[in-house]
Protein backbone atom coordinates (compact mmCIF):
# COMPACT_ATOMS: atom_id res chain seq x y z
CA GLN A 1 -14.04 -18.71 -0.54
CA THR A 2 -15.05 -17.77 2.97
CA SER A 3 -15.82 -14.26 4.10
CA SER A 4 -18.16 -12.21 6.20
CA HIS A 5 -20.42 -12.31 3.14
CA PRO A 6 -20.81 -16.05 2.48
CA ASP A 7 -23.45 -15.55 -0.22
CA ARG A 8 -21.13 -13.39 -2.32
CA ARG A 9 -18.31 -14.58 -4.48
CA ILE A 10 -15.60 -12.58 -6.19
CA GLU A 11 -14.92 -13.50 -9.77
CA PRO A 12 -11.52 -12.70 -11.31
CA MET A 13 -11.46 -10.22 -14.17
CA ARG A 14 -12.07 -11.89 -17.50
CA GLU A 15 -9.52 -11.93 -20.29
CA ASP A 16 -12.37 -11.82 -22.81
CA THR A 17 -14.26 -8.64 -22.02
CA THR A 18 -16.71 -8.75 -24.91
CA GLU A 19 -19.53 -9.45 -22.47
CA LEU A 20 -18.74 -6.25 -20.57
CA THR A 21 -18.04 -4.00 -23.53
CA GLY A 22 -20.29 -5.52 -26.17
CA VAL A 23 -17.55 -5.11 -28.78
CA GLY A 24 -15.23 -7.92 -29.85
CA GLU A 25 -13.17 -7.44 -33.00
CA ILE A 26 -10.27 -4.95 -33.08
CA ALA A 27 -10.67 -2.30 -35.78
CA ALA A 28 -7.12 -0.88 -35.55
CA LEU A 29 -3.79 -1.60 -33.86
CA LEU A 30 -0.92 0.70 -32.93
CA GLY A 31 1.74 -1.97 -32.46
CA GLN A 32 4.91 -2.13 -30.37
CA GLY A 33 7.69 0.03 -31.77
CA THR A 34 5.16 2.45 -33.27
CA GLU A 35 4.84 6.06 -32.13
CA TYR A 36 2.01 8.48 -32.90
CA THR A 37 1.35 12.07 -31.83
CA GLY A 38 -1.97 13.82 -32.40
CA THR A 39 -5.66 13.18 -31.91
CA LEU A 40 -7.13 9.70 -32.28
CA ALA A 41 -10.85 9.36 -33.01
CA PHE A 42 -12.26 5.94 -33.83
CA GLU A 43 -15.30 3.66 -33.90
CA GLY A 44 -15.36 0.12 -32.57
CA ARG A 45 -12.34 -1.27 -30.76
CA VAL A 46 -8.71 -0.08 -30.98
CA ARG A 47 -5.65 -1.64 -29.33
CA ILE A 48 -2.49 0.33 -28.52
CA GLU A 49 0.78 -1.47 -27.76
CA GLY A 50 3.13 1.34 -28.80
CA ARG A 51 3.57 4.98 -27.80
CA PHE A 52 0.80 7.55 -28.21
CA ARG A 53 0.87 11.23 -27.24
CA GLY A 54 -2.26 13.34 -27.59
CA GLU A 55 -6.01 13.04 -27.12
CA ILE A 56 -8.14 9.95 -27.68
CA ARG A 57 -11.90 10.32 -28.26
CA SER A 58 -14.41 7.59 -29.06
CA ASP A 59 -17.65 5.94 -28.02
CA GLY A 60 -15.90 2.60 -28.58
CA VAL A 61 -13.44 0.46 -26.65
CA LEU A 62 -9.76 1.32 -26.17
CA VAL A 63 -7.44 -1.52 -25.14
CA LEU A 64 -3.89 -0.84 -23.91
CA GLY A 65 -1.48 -3.77 -24.20
CA GLU A 66 1.68 -4.46 -22.19
CA GLY A 67 3.96 -2.22 -24.25
CA ALA A 68 1.58 0.74 -24.33
CA HIS A 69 2.66 4.19 -23.21
CA VAL A 70 -0.08 6.80 -23.59
CA ASP A 71 0.42 10.46 -22.63
CA GLY A 72 -2.83 12.38 -22.87
CA ASP A 73 -6.46 12.52 -21.90
CA VAL A 74 -8.80 9.72 -22.94
CA GLU A 75 -12.56 9.92 -23.44
CA VAL A 76 -14.04 6.59 -24.58
CA GLY A 77 -16.95 4.23 -24.08
CA SER A 78 -14.77 1.66 -22.27
CA LEU A 79 -11.07 1.52 -21.41
CA ILE A 80 -9.28 -1.78 -20.80
CA VAL A 81 -5.70 -1.41 -19.53
CA ARG A 82 -4.13 -4.89 -19.80
CA GLY A 83 -0.62 -3.49 -19.42
CA GLY A 84 1.52 -0.44 -20.03
CA ILE A 85 0.86 2.99 -18.61
CA LEU A 86 -1.60 5.77 -19.27
CA LYS A 87 -0.63 9.24 -18.03
CA GLY A 88 -3.69 11.44 -18.30
CA ASN A 89 -7.27 11.77 -17.21
CA VAL A 90 -9.83 9.15 -18.23
CA ARG A 91 -13.53 9.64 -18.82
CA ALA A 92 -15.43 6.48 -19.81
CA SER A 93 -19.18 6.38 -20.41
CA GLN A 94 -19.35 2.64 -19.62
CA ALA A 95 -16.39 1.19 -17.70
CA VAL A 96 -12.67 1.20 -16.93
CA GLU A 97 -10.75 -2.05 -16.33
CA LEU A 98 -7.23 -1.81 -14.90
CA HIS A 99 -5.48 -5.19 -14.98
CA ALA A 100 -2.50 -6.26 -12.83
CA LYS A 101 0.20 -5.26 -15.36
CA GLY A 102 -1.37 -1.87 -16.10
CA ALA A 103 -1.03 1.62 -14.65
CA ILE A 104 -3.06 4.80 -14.78
CA VAL A 105 -1.60 8.07 -13.51
CA GLY A 106 -4.47 10.53 -13.62
CA ASP A 107 -8.09 10.85 -12.63
CA ILE A 108 -10.79 8.35 -13.63
CA HIS A 109 -14.43 9.26 -14.16
CA ALA A 110 -16.66 6.28 -15.05
CA PRO A 111 -19.82 4.55 -13.81
CA GLN A 112 -17.95 1.23 -13.37
CA VAL A 113 -14.29 0.81 -12.40
CA PHE A 114 -12.54 -2.55 -11.96
CA ILE A 115 -9.02 -2.53 -10.50
CA ALA A 116 -7.08 -5.79 -10.20
CA ARG A 117 -4.71 -6.47 -7.35
CA GLY A 118 -1.22 -5.49 -8.48
CA ALA A 119 -2.39 -2.71 -10.80
CA ARG A 120 -1.08 0.81 -10.25
CA PHE A 121 -3.48 3.75 -9.98
CA GLU A 122 -2.44 7.25 -8.90
CA GLY A 123 -5.24 9.79 -8.99
CA ARG A 124 -8.84 10.36 -8.05
CA CYS A 125 -11.73 8.14 -9.05
CA THR A 126 -15.29 9.34 -9.50
CA MET A 127 -18.00 6.76 -10.11
CA GLU A 128 -21.25 8.39 -11.03
CA GLN A 129 -24.28 7.20 -12.96
CA GLY A 130 -27.20 9.56 -12.86
CA GLU A 131 -27.31 10.57 -9.23
CA GLN A 132 -24.24 9.91 -7.11
CA HIS A 133 -24.33 6.83 -4.83
CA ASP A 134 -22.35 6.37 -1.65
CA LEU A 135 -20.84 2.91 -1.28
CA PRO A 136 -22.06 1.23 1.93
CA GLU A 137 -19.21 -0.42 3.83
CA ASP A 138 -21.01 -3.77 3.87
CA LYS A 139 -20.95 -3.83 0.04
CA LEU A 140 -17.14 -3.60 -0.22
CA LEU A 141 -15.45 -6.97 -0.58
CA ASP A 142 -11.69 -7.33 -0.20
CA GLU A 143 -10.79 -10.91 -0.92
CA GLY A 144 -9.74 -13.09 -3.80
CA PRO A 145 -7.68 -11.76 -6.69
CA ASN A 146 -9.41 -8.37 -6.90
CA LEU A 147 -10.96 -5.62 -4.85
CA VAL A 148 -14.56 -5.44 -5.98
CA ALA A 149 -17.26 -2.98 -5.13
CA ASP A 150 -20.67 -4.61 -5.38
CA VAL A 151 -23.24 -1.86 -5.59
CA GLU A 152 -26.91 -2.35 -6.31
CA ARG A 153 -28.28 0.63 -8.24
């Protein structure tokens, strides 16, 4: 790939995110056709492909599949939105990944945010880790399959 930053290369988002999140195996699944209302608290990794209304709280990893429809605020270690829609505010202590078939309507607060081209995001995004860093324009790369912010901390 050629760009104004020839020494930098944009890598597409991985399907296997265990390297990013450090957690691999799914502990629970809310499958398609399933609906749940209430508060969800869990450890490890949970995948939602059905409908959920309420609050989600965990230090673990929440994965939303293509059929997911979540209405409510989410506070997790990492959020991976592979598909479906999340309507609510997100606070992640590690990272948020929004893939091309996914949507978030609400504010995101996380130290790392990855948004794939084609994904839908409506809201405000705050990336903060310790002290707040401004993103220099020369660190923003817009090429390849994703928009990637490359920030040295």
